[in-house]
């Protein structure tokens, strides 16, 4: 008597294959999520640096005074320095502590990956030992 040839997969083989695929998908999702957070944090750093550059430009063109609002910044000569404040990559306005006076400013953005510069920055409210804030401050 001849035994039939096996033409299909056993239930165990299918379960092992599906388990391996599930593990690979889970790893891909975690990696993708981490990459998204890093990209948003990079955008936040760029936004804070552009605000810092705009504030310094405003300072040099407006009798050595920094802007005291987070709205549109227009120089004394009518030139628009910052048309609108940046929007957080996750949507909506940045929610950060700010200190803005005509003689100094310190602006921070919250970092999702915790790779900020708040322990090396002189912003008093963000230097509590956590690296969750990326801060920029006046250069003058």
C-alpha atoms as a PDB file:
ATOM      1  CA  UNK A   1       0.000   0.000   0.000  1.00  0.00           C
ATOM      2  CA  UNK A   2       1.329   3.345  -0.991  1.00  0.00           C
ATOM      3  CA  UNK A   3       1.076   6.409   1.271  1.00  0.00           C
ATOM      4  CA  UNK A   4      -0.322   9.577  -0.277  1.00  0.00           C
ATOM      5  CA  UNK A   5       2.044  12.439  -1.025  1.00  0.00           C
ATOM      6  CA  UNK A   6       1.614  15.477   1.153  1.00  0.00           C
ATOM      7  CA  UNK A   7       0.400  18.356  -1.041  1.00  0.00           C
ATOM      8  CA  UNK A   8      -0.454  20.935   1.636  1.00  0.00           C
ATOM      9  CA  UNK A   9       0.833  22.414   4.858  1.00  0.00           C
ATOM     10  CA  UNK A  10       0.032  21.081   8.263  1.00  0.00           C
ATOM     11  CA  UNK A  11      -1.784  23.231  10.780  1.00  0.00           C
ATOM     12  CA  UNK A  12       1.393  23.494  12.849  1.00  0.00           C
ATOM     13  CA  UNK A  13       3.416  24.778   9.873  1.00  0.00           C
ATOM     14  CA  UNK A  14       0.780  27.413   9.150  1.00  0.00           C
ATOM     15  CA  UNK A  15       0.702  28.571  12.779  1.00  0.00           C
ATOM     16  CA  UNK A  16       4.495  28.889  12.889  1.00  0.00           C
ATOM     17  CA  UNK A  17       4.513  30.886   9.643  1.00  0.00           C
ATOM     18  CA  UNK A  18       1.762  33.213  10.838  1.00  0.00           C
ATOM     19  CA  UNK A  19       3.538  33.711  14.179  1.00  0.00           C
ATOM     20  CA  UNK A  20       6.789  34.665  12.448  1.00  0.00           C
ATOM     21  CA  UNK A  21       4.983  37.125  10.192  1.00  0.00           C
ATOM     22  CA  UNK A  22       3.205  38.628  13.220  1.00  0.00           C
ATOM     23  CA  UNK A  23       6.494  39.140  15.053  1.00  0.00           C
ATOM     24  CA  UNK A  24       8.037  40.799  11.997  1.00  0.00           C
ATOM     25  CA  UNK A  25       5.038  43.131  11.609  1.00  0.00           C
ATOM     26  CA  UNK A  26       5.200  44.087  15.303  1.00  0.00           C
ATOM     27  CA  UNK A  27       8.898  44.952  14.995  1.00  0.00           C
ATOM     28  CA  UNK A  28       8.236  47.018  11.879  1.00  0.00           C
ATOM     29  CA  UNK A  29       5.464  48.995  13.606  1.00  0.00           C
ATOM     30  CA  UNK A  30       7.658  49.785  16.609  1.00  0.00           C
ATOM     31  CA  UNK A  31      10.520  50.864  14.346  1.00  0.00           C
ATOM     32  CA  UNK A  32       8.203  53.040  12.242  1.00  0.00           C
ATOM     33  CA  UNK A  33       6.734  54.701  15.329  1.00  0.00           C
ATOM     34  CA  UNK A  34      10.203  55.511  16.644  1.00  0.00           C
ATOM     35  CA  UNK A  35      11.235  56.948  13.279  1.00  0.00           C
ATOM     36  CA  UNK A  36       8.146  59.176  13.266  1.00  0.00           C
ATOM     37  CA  UNK A  37       8.958  60.519  16.743  1.00  0.00           C
ATOM     38  CA  UNK A  38      12.534  61.286  15.726  1.00  0.00           C
ATOM     39  CA  UNK A  39      11.332  63.090  12.602  1.00  0.00           C
ATOM     40  CA  UNK A  40       8.892  65.221  14.630  1.00  0.00           C
ATOM     41  CA  UNK A  41      11.632  66.040  17.146  1.00  0.00           C
ATOM     42  CA  UNK A  42      13.944  67.122  14.318  1.00  0.00           C
ATOM     43  CA  UNK A  43      11.214  69.400  13.032  1.00  0.00           C
ATOM     44  CA  UNK A  44      10.756  70.889  16.516  1.00  0.00           C
ATOM     45  CA  UNK A  45      14.482  71.635  16.744  1.00  0.00           C
ATOM     46  CA  UNK A  46      14.387  73.336  13.342  1.00  0.00           C
ATOM     47  CA  UNK A  47      11.331  75.354  14.361  1.00  0.00           C
ATOM     48  CA  UNK A  48      12.943  76.530  17.610  1.00  0.00           C
ATOM     49  CA  UNK A  49      16.134  77.481  15.777  1.00  0.00           C
ATOM     50  CA  UNK A  50      14.173  79.442  13.168  1.00  0.00           C
ATOM     51  CA  UNK A  51      12.313  81.291  15.939  1.00  0.00           C
ATOM     52  CA  UNK A  52      15.664  82.064  17.561  1.00  0.00           C
ATOM     53  CA  UNK A  53      17.073  83.446  14.300  1.00  0.00           C
ATOM     54  CA  UNK A  54      13.942  85.530  13.743  1.00  0.00           C
ATOM     55  CA  UNK A  55      14.095  86.905  17.299  1.00  0.00           C
ATOM     56  CA  UNK A  56      17.726  87.896  16.858  1.00  0.00           C
ATOM     57  CA  UNK A  57      16.929  89.574  13.535  1.00  0.00           C
ATOM     58  CA  UNK A  58      14.034  91.419  15.174  1.00  0.00           C
ATOM     59  CA  UNK A  59      16.344  92.465  18.027  1.00  0.00           C
ATOM     60  CA  UNK A  60      18.884  93.986  15.646  1.00  0.00           C
ATOM     61  CA  UNK A  61      16.240  95.892  13.669  1.00  0.00           C
ATOM     62  CA  UNK A  62      14.082  97.195  16.530  1.00  0.00           C
ATOM     63  CA  UNK A  63      16.272  99.267  18.844  1.00  0.00           C
ATOM     64  CA  UNK A  64      17.748  96.181  20.522  1.00  0.00           C
ATOM     65  CA  UNK A  65      14.457  94.905  21.916  1.00  0.00           C
ATOM     66  CA  UNK A  66      13.054  91.395  21.502  1.00  0.00           C
ATOM     67  CA  UNK A  67       9.432  90.813  20.479  1.00  0.00           C
ATOM     68  CA  UNK A  68       7.128  90.114  23.414  1.00  0.00           C
ATOM     69  CA  UNK A  69       4.464  88.107  21.566  1.00  0.00           C
ATOM     70  CA  UNK A  70       4.349  84.803  19.729  1.00  0.00           C
ATOM     71  CA  UNK A  71       2.405  86.261  16.809  1.00  0.00           C
ATOM     72  CA  UNK A  72       3.623  88.021  13.680  1.00  0.00           C
ATOM     73  CA  UNK A  73       6.900  89.908  14.140  1.00  0.00           C
ATOM     74  CA  UNK A  74       7.294  93.038  12.026  1.00  0.00           C
ATOM     75  CA  UNK A  75      10.467  95.115  12.134  1.00  0.00           C
ATOM     76  CA  UNK A  76      10.436  98.882  12.581  1.00  0.00           C
ATOM     77  CA  UNK A  77      10.998  99.335   8.844  1.00  0.00           C
ATOM     78  CA  UNK A  78       7.806  97.344   8.043  1.00  0.00           C
ATOM     79  CA  UNK A  79       9.630  94.143   7.047  1.00  0.00           C
ATOM     80  CA  UNK A  80       7.920  90.972   8.241  1.00  0.00           C
ATOM     81  CA  UNK A  81      10.483  88.898  10.088  1.00  0.00           C
ATOM     82  CA  UNK A  82       8.221  86.074  11.276  1.00  0.00           C
ATOM     83  CA  UNK A  83       4.903  85.830   9.456  1.00  0.00           C
ATOM     84  CA  UNK A  84       3.435  83.210  11.748  1.00  0.00           C
ATOM     85  CA  UNK A  85       4.627  81.175  14.675  1.00  0.00           C
ATOM     86  CA  UNK A  86       5.487  77.567  13.782  1.00  0.00           C
ATOM     87  CA  UNK A  87       2.929  74.802  14.288  1.00  0.00           C
ATOM     88  CA  UNK A  88       3.822  71.622  16.172  1.00  0.00           C
ATOM     89  CA  UNK A  89       4.326  68.614  13.852  1.00  0.00           C
ATOM     90  CA  UNK A  90       1.580  66.699  15.686  1.00  0.00           C
ATOM     91  CA  UNK A  91      -0.824  69.539  14.940  1.00  0.00           C
ATOM     92  CA  UNK A  92      -1.892  72.570  16.872  1.00  0.00           C
ATOM     93  CA  UNK A  93       0.235  75.153  18.590  1.00  0.00           C
ATOM     94  CA  UNK A  94       3.396  74.383  20.477  1.00  0.00           C
ATOM     95  CA  UNK A  95       2.727  73.938  24.157  1.00  0.00           C
ATOM     96  CA  UNK A  96       5.922  75.055  25.788  1.00  0.00           C
ATOM     97  CA  UNK A  97       6.993  77.289  28.621  1.00  0.00           C
ATOM     98  CA  UNK A  98       8.164  80.648  27.397  1.00  0.00           C
ATOM     99  CA  UNK A  99       9.809  83.632  28.944  1.00  0.00           C
ATOM    100  CA  UNK A 100       9.763  86.625  26.626  1.00  0.00           C
ATOM    101  CA  UNK A 101      10.681  90.174  27.589  1.00  0.00           C
ATOM    102  CA  UNK A 102      12.138  93.008  25.555  1.00  0.00           C
ATOM    103  CA  UNK A 103      15.604  92.214  26.948  1.00  0.00           C
ATOM    104  CA  UNK A 104      15.605  88.390  26.918  1.00  0.00           C
ATOM    105  CA  UNK A 105      13.690  85.318  25.874  1.00  0.00           C
ATOM    106  CA  UNK A 106      13.754  81.587  26.429  1.00  0.00           C
ATOM    107  CA  UNK A 107      11.503  79.330  24.363  1.00  0.00           C
ATOM    108  CA  UNK A 108      11.276  75.551  24.714  1.00  0.00           C
ATOM    109  CA  UNK A 109       9.521  72.753  22.823  1.00  0.00           C
ATOM    110  CA  UNK A 110       8.705  69.352  24.270  1.00  0.00           C
ATOM    111  CA  UNK A 111      10.630  66.460  22.686  1.00  0.00           C
ATOM    112  CA  UNK A 112       8.937  63.062  22.361  1.00  0.00           C
ATOM    113  CA  UNK A 113      12.183  61.081  22.355  1.00  0.00           C
ATOM    114  CA  UNK A 114      13.624  62.970  25.344  1.00  0.00           C
ATOM    115  CA  UNK A 115      16.686  64.232  23.489  1.00  0.00           C
ATOM    116  CA  UNK A 116      16.491  67.920  24.278  1.00  0.00           C
ATOM    117  CA  UNK A 117      19.146  70.307  25.530  1.00  0.00           C
ATOM    118  CA  UNK A 118      17.432  71.575  28.657  1.00  0.00           C
ATOM    119  CA  UNK A 119      20.162  70.456  31.080  1.00  0.00           C
ATOM    120  CA  UNK A 120      22.767  72.476  29.187  1.00  0.00           C
ATOM    121  CA  UNK A 121      20.533  75.475  28.541  1.00  0.00           C
ATOM    122  CA  UNK A 122      20.110  78.346  30.976  1.00  0.00           C
ATOM    123  CA  UNK A 123      16.309  78.312  30.917  1.00  0.00           C
ATOM    124  CA  UNK A 124      15.382  78.086  34.579  1.00  0.00           C
ATOM    125  CA  UNK A 125      12.042  76.350  34.112  1.00  0.00           C
ATOM    126  CA  UNK A 126      13.450  73.622  31.856  1.00  0.00           C
ATOM    127  CA  UNK A 127      16.717  72.822  33.623  1.00  0.00           C
ATOM    128  CA  UNK A 128      15.274  70.479  36.219  1.00  0.00           C
ATOM    129  CA  UNK A 129      17.460  67.613  35.002  1.00  0.00           C
ATOM    130  CA  UNK A 130      15.111  66.298  32.342  1.00  0.00           C
ATOM    131  CA  UNK A 131      16.033  66.111  28.682  1.00  0.00           C
ATOM    132  CA  UNK A 132      12.476  66.425  27.425  1.00  0.00           C
ATOM    133  CA  UNK A 133      12.789  70.083  26.389  1.00  0.00           C
ATOM    134  CA  UNK A 134      14.714  71.668  23.549  1.00  0.00           C
ATOM    135  CA  UNK A 135      15.283  75.317  24.439  1.00  0.00           C
ATOM    136  CA  UNK A 136      16.583  78.368  22.641  1.00  0.00           C
ATOM    137  CA  UNK A 137      17.419  81.624  24.378  1.00  0.00           C
ATOM    138  CA  UNK A 138      18.606  85.078  23.518  1.00  0.00           C
ATOM    139  CA  UNK A 139      22.143  85.329  22.187  1.00  0.00           C
ATOM    140  CA  UNK A 140      22.742  88.916  23.263  1.00  0.00           C
END
